[in-house]
Every structure is written in structure tokens, then in C-alpha cells.
Amino acid sequence: MRMVFGLVLLVGIALAGGAVYLAKDRIAQYQLANARAQEALSQVVPTVSVFVAEGPLKYGQRLTPEDVREVAWPENAIPEGAFTDYAVLFPENTDEPRVVLRAMEKDEAIMALKVTAPGEDTGLTSRLERGKRAFTIKVDVSSGVSGFLRPGDKVDVYWTGRVSINRDTPSTEVTKLIEAGVQLIAVDQSAGGELSEATIARTVTVAVSPQQVAGLAQAQSTGNLSLSLVGAEDDTVASAIEVDQRALLGIAAEEIKAEVAKEKVCTIRTRRGAEVVELPIPCTN
């Protein structure tokens, strides 16, 4: 009986020791997994909720809660002016809507410079970038690309007028490219691009530098300006272009050849037998 009791006791001690060993191994594995999880969490970039466009937004469109959604944005890469608070983006104390100032694509962050304040009017100044000025060009059906211009388009500006190389030569009519890839910010009094059909504009407004303003003003007062529409996906820049009537018709410039003065030769006639010959002599005059 004592032998059976001793054997049971030994088996119990062995089982208890095994259980303790297994428990220690499990605890060690748990601690290792926990350490790895903590290390992984320490490498995760903290995020902040930022409101982005649910879909494409156009200039002049009213911004509604259905047009935005909240996403997690890396805290150290939040664009300046982005909205992180719904109550700031859509204040509860006003029913006046915000209006989109610049076209936005899907998932683009909603920023203060891209939308108006609640109830604020969308003025032309909001479309001018830093260092740019608005300048208005008079156009008609021929110079304004038959009414197919829209705000946001880019155009090349050509000047046609008469120039004279010097006082001794008559003036000739020349057409020259003076500005390439100029952006339109308004057509007539419309700064939005939602025109449904071609409209013959009387004026277009472009965004240019102060130096370009001076050049366009001088060109407009001394000749005629024409616009050439640039393709939406065209990233080329037109080079210097100048055409006059001779170049247009392929007429080569006439070269005035100066006549070479012939050397004066003096002679005398003398008779040698039956033959009369002329002998050169120095000219006295």
C-alpha cells in the first residue's frame, strides 16, 4: 500500500513539474509575442482624421456633407489648411454653404484655400496665384477661337502689327508669338467652366506676371491680338515664331548688289602701217 502511495506521489510530482515547465514556456512565448507587438506598434505612424473629397469636385460647386468623407491621414504629413473637424468644415450656426474654388479629384484633401468660407462669394481674386495679375484681352469670333474658350484653358497669344526695320525701309506687317501657354481665368464675366455651349466672348481674362501685363498692354494698343487654344494634355511650349508677308508667300528678300565701279582706261590711237591700234596711256583727269 505504501509502495502504491509512493508511486502515485512520484507521478503527481512529475506531472506538476511538467505543468510548471509548460506554463513557463507559454509565458515566455507570450512575453516574446507581446514584445514584438509593442515594437511593431512603436513603428506605426500616428494618424489624424482628415476630410477628403468623396468624388471629383468642380469650380463653383456647393460643398455638401455628402461630398466629403473622413479618412486616417499621417499626422506628420497633413496638408496645411486641411479640415480635421467636421464642425469646422460644416458649422452648425449657419446654413450658408461653402463653394469650391478649385477643382479637386477624388480622395484629395479638402483645404481652406480650395473652398470659400460659409456664405462667401467666389471672387476672381481667389483664382490668382501668388505673383500673378489679372489682365483682360479684347477678342471677337475670329481672335477668340470661335467661342470655344473656357476658364482654365491655356492659350498662345499672337500679335499682328506693322513694324519697320529702319527709316529707309517701308514698314511691313508681322505676326509674332508673344506669350505661350497663358492660363484663362475668366471668359467675359464668367470665372466658372460650366458653359454648356460655345459663346462668342468679347473679353477674356488671363493670369500673368506684372511684366507680362506690360507686354500685353503694349501689344494690344499697337496691334491686334489673336488667341490659339492649347490642348488639355499638351505639355509642349511653343518656341519663338514670327511670320511676315514675304515669309508667308515664300518670297526671298531682294539683295541689292552694289555696282562695282569699272576702272577708267585712257587710250590713244596710232597708225601702224595700214592698221590703227589703241595704246593705253595714264589718265590725266
Protein backbone atom coordinates (compact mmCIF):
# COMPACT_ATOMS: atom_id res chain seq x y z
CA MET A 1 0.00 0.00 0.00
CA ARG A 2 2.80 2.34 0.87
CA MET A 3 4.50 1.50 -2.42
CA VAL A 4 1.36 2.41 -4.37
CA PHE A 5 1.06 5.68 -2.42
CA GLY A 6 4.71 6.50 -3.10
CA LEU A 7 4.31 5.70 -6.81
CA VAL A 8 1.24 7.95 -7.07
CA LEU A 9 3.11 10.69 -5.24
CA LEU A 10 6.02 10.47 -7.66
CA VAL A 11 3.70 10.56 -10.67
CA GLY A 12 1.94 13.60 -9.21
CA ILE A 13 5.19 15.41 -8.62
CA ALA A 14 6.30 14.63 -12.18
CA LEU A 15 3.01 15.89 -13.62
CA ALA A 16 3.20 19.05 -11.52
CA GLY A 17 6.73 19.70 -12.68
CA GLY A 18 5.74 19.20 -16.29
CA ALA A 19 2.82 21.56 -15.88
CA VAL A 20 5.07 24.20 -14.37
CA TYR A 21 7.55 23.78 -17.25
CA LEU A 22 4.81 24.07 -19.86
CA ALA A 23 3.38 27.12 -18.09
CA LYS A 24 6.79 28.82 -18.02
CA ASP A 25 7.27 28.07 -21.73
CA ARG A 26 3.85 29.50 -22.60
CA ILE A 27 4.52 32.59 -20.51
CA ALA A 28 7.88 33.08 -22.25
CA GLN A 29 6.22 32.78 -25.66
CA TYR A 30 3.53 35.24 -24.64
CA GLN A 31 6.09 37.73 -23.39
CA LEU A 32 8.05 37.41 -26.65
CA ALA A 33 4.93 37.92 -28.75
CA ASN A 34 3.91 40.89 -26.61
CA ALA A 35 7.36 42.45 -27.01
CA ARG A 36 7.16 42.05 -30.77
CA ALA A 37 3.69 43.59 -30.84
CA GLN A 38 4.88 46.57 -28.80
CA GLU A 39 7.84 47.03 -31.14
CA ALA A 40 5.53 46.93 -34.18
CA LEU A 41 3.18 49.46 -32.58
CA SER A 42 6.09 51.80 -31.88
CA GLN A 43 6.85 51.86 -35.63
CA VAL A 44 3.28 52.68 -36.70
CA VAL A 45 2.86 56.32 -37.82
CA PRO A 46 0.20 58.09 -35.75
CA THR A 47 -2.76 59.30 -37.81
CA VAL A 48 -5.37 62.04 -37.61
CA SER A 49 -8.81 62.12 -39.22
CA VAL A 50 -8.87 64.40 -42.29
CA PHE A 51 -11.81 65.14 -44.61
CA VAL A 52 -11.27 64.39 -48.31
CA ALA A 53 -13.40 64.63 -51.46
CA GLU A 54 -15.78 61.71 -51.93
CA GLY A 55 -15.63 62.30 -55.71
CA PRO A 56 -14.48 64.91 -58.25
CA LEU A 57 -15.47 68.47 -57.30
CA LYS A 58 -15.80 71.31 -59.84
CA TYR A 59 -15.26 75.03 -59.51
CA GLY A 60 -18.38 76.82 -58.26
CA GLN A 61 -19.96 73.63 -56.87
CA ARG A 62 -21.60 73.81 -53.45
CA LEU A 63 -19.85 71.65 -50.89
CA THR A 64 -22.24 69.35 -49.00
CA PRO A 65 -21.64 66.68 -46.32
CA GLU A 66 -22.27 64.05 -48.99
CA ASP A 67 -19.28 65.37 -50.98
CA VAL A 68 -16.71 64.56 -48.27
CA ARG A 69 -15.59 61.61 -46.18
CA GLU A 70 -13.27 61.11 -43.23
CA VAL A 71 -10.00 59.19 -43.64
CA ALA A 72 -6.95 58.47 -41.46
CA TRP A 73 -4.05 60.71 -42.53
CA PRO A 74 -0.44 60.51 -41.27
CA GLU A 75 -0.09 63.11 -38.54
CA ASN A 76 3.26 64.39 -39.83
CA ALA A 77 2.00 64.85 -43.41
CA ILE A 78 -1.29 66.71 -43.01
CA PRO A 79 -1.60 69.44 -45.71
CA GLU A 80 -1.72 72.96 -44.35
CA GLY A 81 -5.30 74.17 -44.11
CA ALA A 82 -6.85 70.69 -44.18
CA PHE A 83 -10.06 70.20 -42.21
CA THR A 84 -9.80 67.76 -39.30
CA ASP A 85 -13.01 68.75 -37.52
CA TYR A 86 -16.46 68.25 -39.04
CA ALA A 87 -17.89 71.13 -37.01
CA VAL A 88 -15.32 73.49 -38.54
CA LEU A 89 -15.96 72.30 -42.09
CA PHE A 90 -19.74 72.48 -41.70
CA PRO A 91 -20.55 74.92 -38.85
CA GLU A 92 -23.86 74.34 -37.10
CA ASN A 93 -24.56 78.03 -36.50
CA THR A 94 -25.06 78.85 -40.22
CA ASP A 95 -26.96 77.46 -43.19
CA GLU A 96 -24.72 79.23 -45.72
CA PRO A 97 -22.81 76.70 -47.86
CA ARG A 98 -19.17 76.60 -48.78
CA VAL A 99 -18.34 76.80 -52.51
CA VAL A 100 -15.49 75.02 -54.29
CA LEU A 101 -12.84 77.46 -55.52
CA ARG A 102 -10.51 74.97 -57.20
CA ALA A 103 -11.33 71.70 -58.93
CA MET A 104 -10.50 68.66 -56.78
CA GLU A 105 -10.15 64.97 -57.56
CA LYS A 106 -11.45 62.01 -55.57
CA ASP A 107 -9.61 61.49 -52.23
CA GLU A 108 -7.98 64.93 -52.42
CA ALA A 109 -7.84 66.70 -49.06
CA ILE A 110 -10.36 69.50 -48.53
CA MET A 111 -8.32 72.59 -47.68
CA ALA A 112 -9.31 76.11 -46.69
CA LEU A 113 -7.76 77.67 -49.81
CA LYS A 114 -9.83 75.41 -52.06
CA VAL A 115 -13.23 76.31 -50.64
CA THR A 116 -14.87 79.54 -49.54
CA ALA A 117 -15.93 80.40 -46.03
CA PRO A 118 -19.63 79.67 -45.42
CA GLY A 119 -21.65 82.17 -47.47
CA GLU A 120 -18.57 83.85 -49.01
CA ASP A 121 -18.76 84.95 -52.65
CA THR A 122 -16.38 83.32 -55.15
CA GLY A 123 -14.43 86.30 -56.45
CA LEU A 124 -11.90 86.37 -59.27
CA THR A 125 -9.04 87.09 -56.87
CA SER A 126 -9.32 83.58 -55.49
CA ARG A 127 -8.14 82.18 -58.82
CA LEU A 128 -4.94 84.24 -58.90
CA GLU A 129 -1.78 82.53 -57.71
CA ARG A 130 0.93 84.32 -55.81
CA GLY A 131 2.74 86.84 -58.05
CA LYS A 132 0.08 86.75 -60.78
CA ARG A 133 -2.14 89.56 -62.04
CA ALA A 134 -5.39 89.54 -64.00
CA PHE A 135 -5.32 91.15 -67.44
CA THR A 136 -8.23 91.42 -69.88
CA ILE A 137 -7.81 90.90 -73.62
CA LYS A 138 -10.42 92.01 -76.15
CA VAL A 139 -11.45 89.23 -78.54
CA ASP A 140 -14.04 88.52 -81.20
CA VAL A 141 -15.30 85.49 -83.10
CA SER A 142 -12.04 85.12 -85.05
CA SER A 143 -9.46 86.07 -82.42
CA GLY A 144 -11.30 84.24 -79.61
CA VAL A 145 -11.24 80.71 -81.14
CA SER A 146 -14.92 80.91 -82.17
CA GLY A 147 -16.22 80.91 -78.60
CA PHE A 148 -14.70 77.59 -77.54
CA LEU A 149 -12.63 79.10 -74.73
CA ARG A 150 -13.33 78.12 -71.11
CA PRO A 151 -11.85 79.33 -67.82
CA GLY A 152 -8.92 77.07 -67.01
CA ASP A 153 -7.87 76.66 -70.66
CA LYS A 154 -4.40 77.67 -71.85
CA VAL A 155 -3.80 79.76 -74.95
CA ASP A 156 -0.92 81.12 -77.01
CA VAL A 157 -1.14 84.87 -77.70
CA TYR A 158 -0.11 86.21 -81.13
CA TRP A 159 0.42 89.88 -82.04
CA THR A 160 -0.15 91.28 -85.54
CA GLY A 161 1.05 94.77 -86.43
CA ARG A 162 3.29 96.83 -88.67
CA VAL A 163 6.99 97.20 -87.97
CA SER A 164 9.85 98.96 -89.73
CA ILE A 165 13.45 97.81 -89.54
CA ASN A 166 14.85 101.29 -90.14
CA ARG A 167 13.86 104.67 -91.53
CA ASP A 168 14.92 103.85 -95.07
CA THR A 169 12.77 100.75 -95.46
CA PRO A 170 8.96 100.69 -95.60
CA SER A 171 7.04 99.09 -92.72
CA THR A 172 5.77 95.54 -93.12
CA GLU A 173 3.03 93.61 -91.34
CA VAL A 174 4.26 90.92 -88.95
CA THR A 175 2.57 88.26 -86.83
CA LYS A 176 4.58 87.11 -83.81
CA LEU A 177 4.04 84.80 -80.83
CA ILE A 178 4.42 86.98 -77.73
CA GLU A 179 3.11 84.69 -74.94
CA ALA A 180 2.84 80.90 -74.79
CA GLY A 181 0.64 78.77 -72.52
CA VAL A 182 -1.19 81.63 -70.77
CA GLN A 183 -3.99 80.44 -68.47
CA LEU A 184 -7.50 81.84 -68.79
CA ILE A 185 -9.25 82.60 -65.50
CA ALA A 186 -12.43 84.17 -66.88
CA VAL A 187 -14.37 84.48 -70.12
CA ASP A 188 -16.43 87.68 -70.23
CA GLN A 189 -17.77 87.93 -66.66
CA SER A 190 -17.77 84.19 -66.01
CA ALA A 191 -14.98 82.59 -63.96
CA GLY A 192 -16.55 79.12 -63.94
CA GLY A 193 -16.08 76.43 -66.55
CA GLU A 194 -19.67 75.23 -66.69
CA LEU A 195 -20.61 76.77 -70.08
CA SER A 196 -22.86 74.32 -71.92
CA GLU A 197 -22.35 75.71 -75.43
CA ALA A 198 -19.97 77.85 -77.44
CA THR A 199 -20.37 81.53 -76.57
CA ILE A 200 -18.81 84.35 -78.56
CA ALA A 201 -16.87 86.21 -75.90
CA ARG A 202 -15.95 89.88 -76.07
CA THR A 203 -13.18 89.66 -73.50
CA VAL A 204 -11.05 87.02 -71.81
CA THR A 205 -9.06 87.46 -68.61
CA VAL A 206 -5.65 85.83 -68.20
CA ALA A 207 -3.38 85.29 -65.18
CA VAL A 208 0.09 86.65 -65.94
CA SER A 209 3.06 88.29 -64.23
CA PRO A 210 3.32 92.11 -63.97
CA GLN A 211 5.98 92.08 -66.71
CA GLN A 212 3.66 90.15 -69.00
CA VAL A 213 0.87 92.61 -68.23
CA ALA A 214 3.03 95.45 -69.53
CA GLY A 215 3.89 93.49 -72.68
CA LEU A 216 0.28 92.54 -73.41
CA ALA A 217 -0.92 96.11 -72.80
CA GLN A 218 1.67 97.46 -75.24
CA ALA A 219 0.81 94.79 -77.81
CA GLN A 220 -2.93 95.41 -77.52
CA SER A 221 -2.51 99.17 -78.03
CA THR A 222 -0.19 98.86 -81.07
CA GLY A 223 -1.75 95.96 -82.98
CA ASN A 224 -4.22 93.10 -82.90
CA LEU A 225 -4.09 90.12 -80.54
CA SER A 226 -5.23 86.62 -81.50
CA LEU A 227 -5.54 83.54 -79.30
CA SER A 228 -4.67 79.94 -80.15
CA LEU A 229 -6.12 77.23 -77.89
CA VAL A 230 -3.62 74.76 -76.39
CA GLY A 231 -4.68 71.13 -75.91
CA ALA A 232 -5.53 69.97 -72.37
CA GLU A 233 -2.82 67.26 -72.40
CA ASP A 234 -0.27 69.26 -74.38
CA ASP A 235 2.80 70.00 -72.24
CA THR A 236 4.94 71.43 -75.04
CA VAL A 237 5.95 75.09 -75.12
CA ALA A 238 5.83 76.96 -78.42
CA SER A 239 9.15 78.44 -79.48
CA ALA A 240 9.77 81.87 -80.98
CA ILE A 241 7.52 82.29 -84.03
CA GLU A 242 7.44 85.28 -86.39
CA VAL A 243 5.91 85.45 -89.86
CA ASP A 244 5.71 88.38 -92.29
CA GLN A 245 4.17 88.63 -95.76
CA ARG A 246 7.36 87.64 -97.58
CA ALA A 247 7.87 84.56 -95.37
CA LEU A 248 4.19 83.65 -95.76
CA LEU A 249 4.35 83.79 -99.57
CA GLY A 250 7.85 82.32 -99.78
CA ILE A 251 9.35 85.40 -101.41
CA ALA A 252 13.08 85.70 -100.88
CA ALA A 253 14.40 89.08 -99.86
CA GLU A 254 15.87 91.02 -102.74
CA GLU A 255 19.56 91.51 -102.47
CA ILE A 256 20.77 94.91 -103.64
CA LYS A 257 24.05 94.44 -105.36
CA ALA A 258 26.28 97.45 -105.41
CA GLU A 259 27.67 98.12 -108.82
CA VAL A 260 31.41 97.81 -108.95
CA ALA A 261 32.88 100.91 -110.49
CA LYS A 262 34.91 100.00 -113.54
CA GLU A 263 38.44 101.28 -113.66
CA LYS A 264 38.76 104.07 -116.22
CA VAL A 265 41.21 103.32 -119.00
CA CYS A 266 42.66 106.05 -121.25
CA THR A 267 44.00 105.22 -124.73
CA ILE A 268 45.36 106.87 -127.80
CA ARG A 269 45.05 105.76 -131.35
CA THR A 270 48.02 105.38 -133.58
CA ARG A 271 48.51 104.05 -137.03
CA ARG A 272 50.96 101.33 -137.77
CA GLY A 273 51.07 100.97 -141.44
CA ALA A 274 47.59 100.24 -142.62
CA GLU A 275 46.40 99.21 -139.11
CA VAL A 276 45.01 101.52 -136.44
CA VAL A 277 45.70 100.41 -132.86
CA GLU A 278 44.80 101.81 -129.41
CA LEU A 279 47.56 102.14 -126.85
CA PRO A 280 46.80 102.60 -123.13
CA ILE A 281 48.22 105.73 -121.51
CA PRO A 282 47.90 107.20 -117.96
CA CYS A 283 44.74 109.22 -117.49
CA THR A 284 45.40 112.85 -116.72
CA ASN A 285 41.89 113.62 -115.36
